[in-house]
Amino acid sequence: MATVKELEATARPRAGKGASRAVRREGRIPAVIYGDNQPPISIALDELEVRKRILAGRFLTTIFDIVLDGTKHRVIPRDYQVEPLRDLPLHVDFLRLGEGATIRVRVPVHTSNPEAAPGIKRGGTVSVVAHAVDLRCPADAIPESIEVDLTGLEINHSRHLSDIPLPPNVRPATKANPTLVTIVPPSGYAEDVKATADAAAAPAAAAAPAAGGAAKAAAPAKGAAPAGKAADKK
């Protein structure tokens, strides 16, 4: 069961840019609750509290109970806007969650066991191709992250979403099978591999002409009788 956070809200009867600016001057953030086949509700939240929640991380995958006039509304943030210069929150959209709701969320990708990856031991570097993936899951069972185990991963090899075991009732949101991580070769790796292959092939290449010359020396000259027959004539 996901941990549910709580936010206190007040009603925001007026909409529009002017009303939103008035709310911000009071140190509050305009927000809206929508979804679950119910009318949207305009609310205002404490600016410092919202900013703290955003900076804490995982804001868009956290379930909240918004308390408004004594009533709790179970929601999840769908989007938020911030002021570009001061990085202050300006507005938040919340999706209302009905009983047993299944939602689409973007979950971060983490890696583990780099010490067990042969490719890293040989000088390769982990490249996280997808830092997050879109999943469908129960609203009360949102994974904190998707963990990619690097055990056994070689240079130029990758892990895809289909390689990762997902929690129960969690599935990819699309049919795509994105690459999550790959082991990037170190600088000069391709040249080293070619040089090693050339060195391994050199003895075989040198032995081939020598073997051909020996075969020619052993063969009798054209028109010459085999050694055994020449001895019989004498």
Protein backbone atom coordinates (compact mmCIF):
# COMPACT_ATOMS: atom_id res chain seq x y z
CA MET A 1 0.00 0.00 0.00
CA ALA A 2 1.44 3.35 -1.01
CA THR A 3 2.05 5.92 1.70
CA VAL A 4 -0.53 8.69 1.44
CA LYS A 5 0.49 12.27 2.22
CA GLU A 6 -1.93 14.93 3.39
CA LEU A 7 -2.38 18.50 2.17
CA GLU A 8 -4.66 21.16 3.63
CA ALA A 9 -6.55 23.21 1.04
CA THR A 10 -9.00 26.08 0.92
CA ALA A 11 -11.71 26.69 -1.65
CA ARG A 12 -10.87 29.01 -4.56
CA PRO A 13 -14.23 30.23 -5.86
CA ARG A 14 -12.86 32.43 -8.63
CA ALA A 15 -10.90 31.29 -11.70
CA GLY A 16 -8.78 33.22 -14.18
CA LYS A 17 -5.34 34.82 -14.23
CA GLY A 18 -6.32 37.75 -12.03
CA ALA A 19 -7.73 35.49 -9.33
CA SER A 20 -4.65 33.24 -9.51
CA ARG A 21 -2.33 36.21 -9.03
CA ALA A 22 -4.37 37.31 -6.01
CA VAL A 23 -4.00 33.81 -4.50
CA ARG A 24 -0.22 33.88 -5.01
CA ARG A 25 0.05 37.27 -3.34
CA GLU A 26 -1.45 35.61 -0.26
CA GLY A 27 1.36 33.02 -0.24
CA ARG A 28 -0.80 30.27 -1.67
CA ILE A 29 -0.79 28.25 -4.89
CA PRO A 30 -3.84 27.85 -7.15
CA ALA A 31 -4.66 24.24 -7.98
CA VAL A 32 -7.46 22.14 -9.42
CA ILE A 33 -8.83 18.65 -8.73
CA TYR A 34 -10.42 16.88 -11.70
CA GLY A 35 -11.37 13.43 -12.97
CA ASP A 36 -13.39 10.39 -11.82
CA ASN A 37 -16.45 11.73 -13.68
CA GLN A 38 -16.92 14.52 -11.15
CA PRO A 39 -16.88 18.30 -11.59
CA PRO A 40 -13.48 19.98 -11.16
CA ILE A 41 -12.76 21.76 -7.87
CA SER A 42 -10.63 24.91 -7.72
CA ILE A 43 -8.50 25.05 -4.57
CA ALA A 44 -5.55 26.92 -3.05
CA LEU A 45 -2.58 25.33 -1.25
CA ASP A 46 0.16 26.68 0.97
CA GLU A 47 3.09 27.71 -1.25
CA LEU A 48 5.85 26.62 1.14
CA GLU A 49 4.22 23.23 1.70
CA VAL A 50 3.84 22.57 -2.02
CA ARG A 51 7.41 23.64 -2.72
CA LYS A 52 8.70 21.33 0.02
CA ARG A 53 6.76 18.41 -1.44
CA ILE A 54 8.12 19.05 -4.94
CA LEU A 55 11.71 19.39 -3.76
CA ALA A 56 11.41 16.16 -1.75
CA GLY A 57 11.13 14.23 -5.05
CA ARG A 58 8.62 11.75 -6.49
CA PHE A 59 5.93 14.44 -6.38
CA LEU A 60 4.17 13.16 -9.51
CA THR A 61 4.04 9.58 -8.17
CA THR A 62 2.87 10.42 -4.63
CA ILE A 63 -0.72 9.89 -3.49
CA PHE A 64 -2.25 12.76 -1.50
CA ASP A 65 -5.36 13.23 0.58
CA ILE A 66 -6.36 16.86 0.05
CA VAL A 67 -8.44 18.02 2.99
CA LEU A 68 -10.98 20.60 1.90
CA ASP A 69 -13.68 21.79 4.32
CA GLY A 70 -13.33 18.60 6.33
CA THR A 71 -13.62 16.30 3.29
CA LYS A 72 -10.68 14.25 1.98
CA HIS A 73 -10.10 13.95 -1.74
CA ARG A 74 -7.72 11.13 -2.77
CA VAL A 75 -5.58 12.49 -5.64
CA ILE A 76 -2.27 12.22 -7.47
CA PRO A 77 -0.46 15.21 -9.06
CA ARG A 78 -0.60 15.10 -12.85
CA ASP A 79 1.30 18.29 -13.65
CA TYR A 80 2.68 21.43 -12.09
CA GLN A 81 4.18 24.70 -13.29
CA VAL A 82 7.04 26.62 -11.72
CA GLU A 83 8.24 30.20 -12.04
CA PRO A 84 11.35 29.89 -14.30
CA LEU A 85 13.58 32.45 -12.55
CA ARG A 86 12.94 31.65 -8.89
CA ASP A 87 11.78 28.04 -9.38
CA LEU A 88 8.66 28.67 -7.30
CA PRO A 89 5.48 26.60 -7.88
CA LEU A 90 2.72 28.44 -9.75
CA HIS A 91 -0.05 25.88 -10.26
CA VAL A 92 -0.79 22.19 -9.66
CA ASP A 93 -3.22 19.84 -11.43
CA PHE A 94 -4.47 16.88 -9.36
CA LEU A 95 -6.22 13.78 -10.73
CA ARG A 96 -8.99 12.46 -8.48
CA LEU A 97 -8.60 8.74 -7.77
CA GLY A 98 -11.68 6.56 -7.57
CA GLU A 99 -11.89 3.27 -5.70
CA GLY A 100 -9.50 0.70 -7.23
CA ALA A 101 -8.21 3.16 -9.82
CA THR A 102 -5.47 2.11 -12.22
CA ILE A 103 -3.32 4.98 -13.47
CA ARG A 104 -0.45 5.72 -15.80
CA VAL A 105 2.66 7.00 -14.06
CA ARG A 106 6.25 7.77 -15.01
CA VAL A 107 8.60 5.84 -12.72
CA PRO A 108 12.35 6.53 -12.40
CA VAL A 109 14.96 3.95 -13.47
CA HIS A 110 17.74 2.95 -11.05
CA THR A 111 20.68 0.55 -11.55
CA SER A 112 22.21 -1.98 -9.16
CA ASN A 113 25.17 -4.39 -8.89
CA PRO A 114 27.63 -2.56 -11.18
CA GLU A 115 30.46 -4.54 -9.55
CA ALA A 116 28.98 -7.73 -11.07
CA ALA A 117 29.03 -6.44 -14.66
CA PRO A 118 31.98 -7.85 -16.68
CA GLY A 119 31.71 -4.95 -19.12
CA ILE A 120 32.38 -2.43 -16.34
CA LYS A 121 35.35 -4.46 -15.06
CA ARG A 122 36.81 -4.23 -18.58
CA GLY A 123 36.58 -0.45 -18.58
CA GLY A 124 33.05 0.08 -19.89
CA THR A 125 30.70 2.77 -18.59
CA VAL A 126 27.03 2.47 -17.66
CA SER A 127 24.84 4.65 -19.89
CA VAL A 128 21.29 5.13 -18.60
CA VAL A 129 19.34 5.51 -21.85
CA ALA A 130 15.89 5.89 -20.25
CA HIS A 131 15.83 7.69 -16.90
CA ALA A 132 12.12 6.90 -16.42
CA VAL A 133 9.48 4.60 -17.91
CA ASP A 134 5.70 4.87 -18.28
CA LEU A 135 3.80 2.18 -16.41
CA ARG A 136 0.19 1.31 -15.62
CA CYS A 137 -0.42 0.22 -12.05
CA PRO A 138 -2.92 0.39 -9.19
CA ALA A 139 -3.00 3.85 -7.64
CA ASP A 140 -2.18 2.37 -4.24
CA ALA A 141 0.79 0.33 -5.51
CA ILE A 142 2.99 2.73 -7.47
CA PRO A 143 6.61 1.45 -7.63
CA GLU A 144 9.18 3.86 -6.22
CA SER A 145 11.53 2.94 -9.07
CA ILE A 146 12.38 0.29 -11.67
CA GLU A 147 15.64 -1.45 -10.74
CA VAL A 148 17.93 -2.64 -13.52
CA ASP A 149 20.33 -5.36 -12.35
CA LEU A 150 23.66 -5.03 -14.20
CA THR A 151 24.89 -8.51 -13.22
CA GLY A 152 26.53 -10.25 -16.19
CA LEU A 153 26.19 -7.30 -18.57
CA GLU A 154 29.00 -7.08 -21.15
CA ILE A 155 30.32 -4.18 -23.21
CA ASN A 156 27.89 -3.15 -25.98
CA HIS A 157 25.09 -5.14 -24.32
CA SER A 158 21.86 -3.60 -23.02
CA ARG A 159 18.91 -4.18 -20.73
CA HIS A 160 15.42 -3.48 -22.07
CA LEU A 161 12.17 -2.98 -20.21
CA SER A 162 11.08 -6.50 -21.17
CA ASP A 163 14.15 -7.84 -19.32
CA ILE A 164 12.99 -6.36 -16.01
CA PRO A 165 10.57 -8.24 -13.72
CA LEU A 166 7.78 -5.84 -12.77
CA PRO A 167 5.76 -5.93 -9.53
CA PRO A 168 2.35 -7.64 -9.53
CA ASN A 169 -0.37 -5.79 -11.46
CA VAL A 170 2.20 -3.43 -12.96
CA ARG A 171 2.67 -3.41 -16.73
CA PRO A 172 4.21 -1.17 -19.40
CA ALA A 173 1.95 1.68 -20.49
CA THR A 174 2.79 1.16 -24.18
CA LYS A 175 3.85 -1.67 -26.49
CA ALA A 176 7.29 -0.13 -26.89
CA ASN A 177 10.25 -1.99 -25.40
CA PRO A 178 12.71 0.82 -24.62
CA THR A 179 16.39 0.32 -23.94
CA LEU A 180 16.97 1.22 -20.30
CA VAL A 181 20.75 0.92 -19.89
CA THR A 182 23.74 -0.15 -21.95
CA ILE A 183 27.46 -0.65 -21.29
CA VAL A 184 29.42 1.81 -23.42
CA PRO A 185 32.93 0.67 -24.45
CA PRO A 186 35.97 2.67 -23.32
CA SER A 187 37.89 4.89 -25.72
CA GLY A 188 39.94 2.86 -28.20
CA TYR A 189 38.01 -0.33 -27.47
CA ALA A 190 37.22 -1.06 -31.13
CA GLU A 191 40.88 -0.63 -32.14
CA ASP A 192 41.99 -2.95 -29.32
CA VAL A 193 39.50 -5.62 -30.39
CA LYS A 194 40.70 -5.38 -34.01
CA ALA A 195 44.35 -5.55 -32.97
CA THR A 196 43.68 -8.63 -30.85
CA ALA A 197 41.84 -10.31 -33.71
CA ASP A 198 44.66 -9.47 -36.15
CA ALA A 199 47.28 -10.83 -33.74
CA ALA A 200 45.33 -14.07 -33.34
CA ALA A 201 44.95 -14.44 -37.11
CA ALA A 202 48.62 -13.72 -37.92
CA PRO A 203 50.11 -17.19 -37.02
CA ALA A 204 47.45 -18.97 -39.06
CA ALA A 205 48.05 -16.67 -42.03
CA ALA A 206 51.83 -17.26 -41.84
CA ALA A 207 51.42 -21.02 -41.57
CA ALA A 208 49.26 -21.26 -44.69
CA PRO A 209 52.01 -20.33 -47.28
CA ALA A 210 54.55 -22.55 -45.51
CA ALA A 211 52.25 -25.53 -45.66
CA GLY A 212 51.62 -24.89 -49.34
CA GLY A 213 55.37 -24.79 -50.12
CA ALA A 214 56.02 -28.04 -48.29
CA ALA A 215 53.29 -29.74 -50.27
CA LYS A 216 54.83 -28.59 -53.55
CA ALA A 217 58.29 -29.83 -52.55
CA ALA A 218 56.93 -33.26 -51.73
CA ALA A 219 55.14 -33.62 -55.08
CA PRO A 220 57.19 -35.23 -57.99
CA ALA A 221 58.14 -33.04 -60.94
CA LYS A 222 55.94 -33.18 -64.02
CA GLY A 223 56.89 -36.21 -66.14
CA ALA A 224 59.12 -37.73 -63.46
CA ALA A 225 58.42 -41.27 -62.37
CA PRO A 226 57.69 -42.01 -58.78
CA ALA A 227 60.79 -42.93 -56.77
CA GLY A 228 59.75 -46.55 -56.41
CA LYS A 229 59.35 -47.14 -60.12
CA ALA A 230 62.72 -45.54 -60.98
CA ALA A 231 64.47 -47.98 -58.66
CA ASP A 232 62.75 -50.93 -60.33
CA LYS A 233 64.17 -49.96 -63.76
CA LYS A 234 67.72 -50.11 -62.43
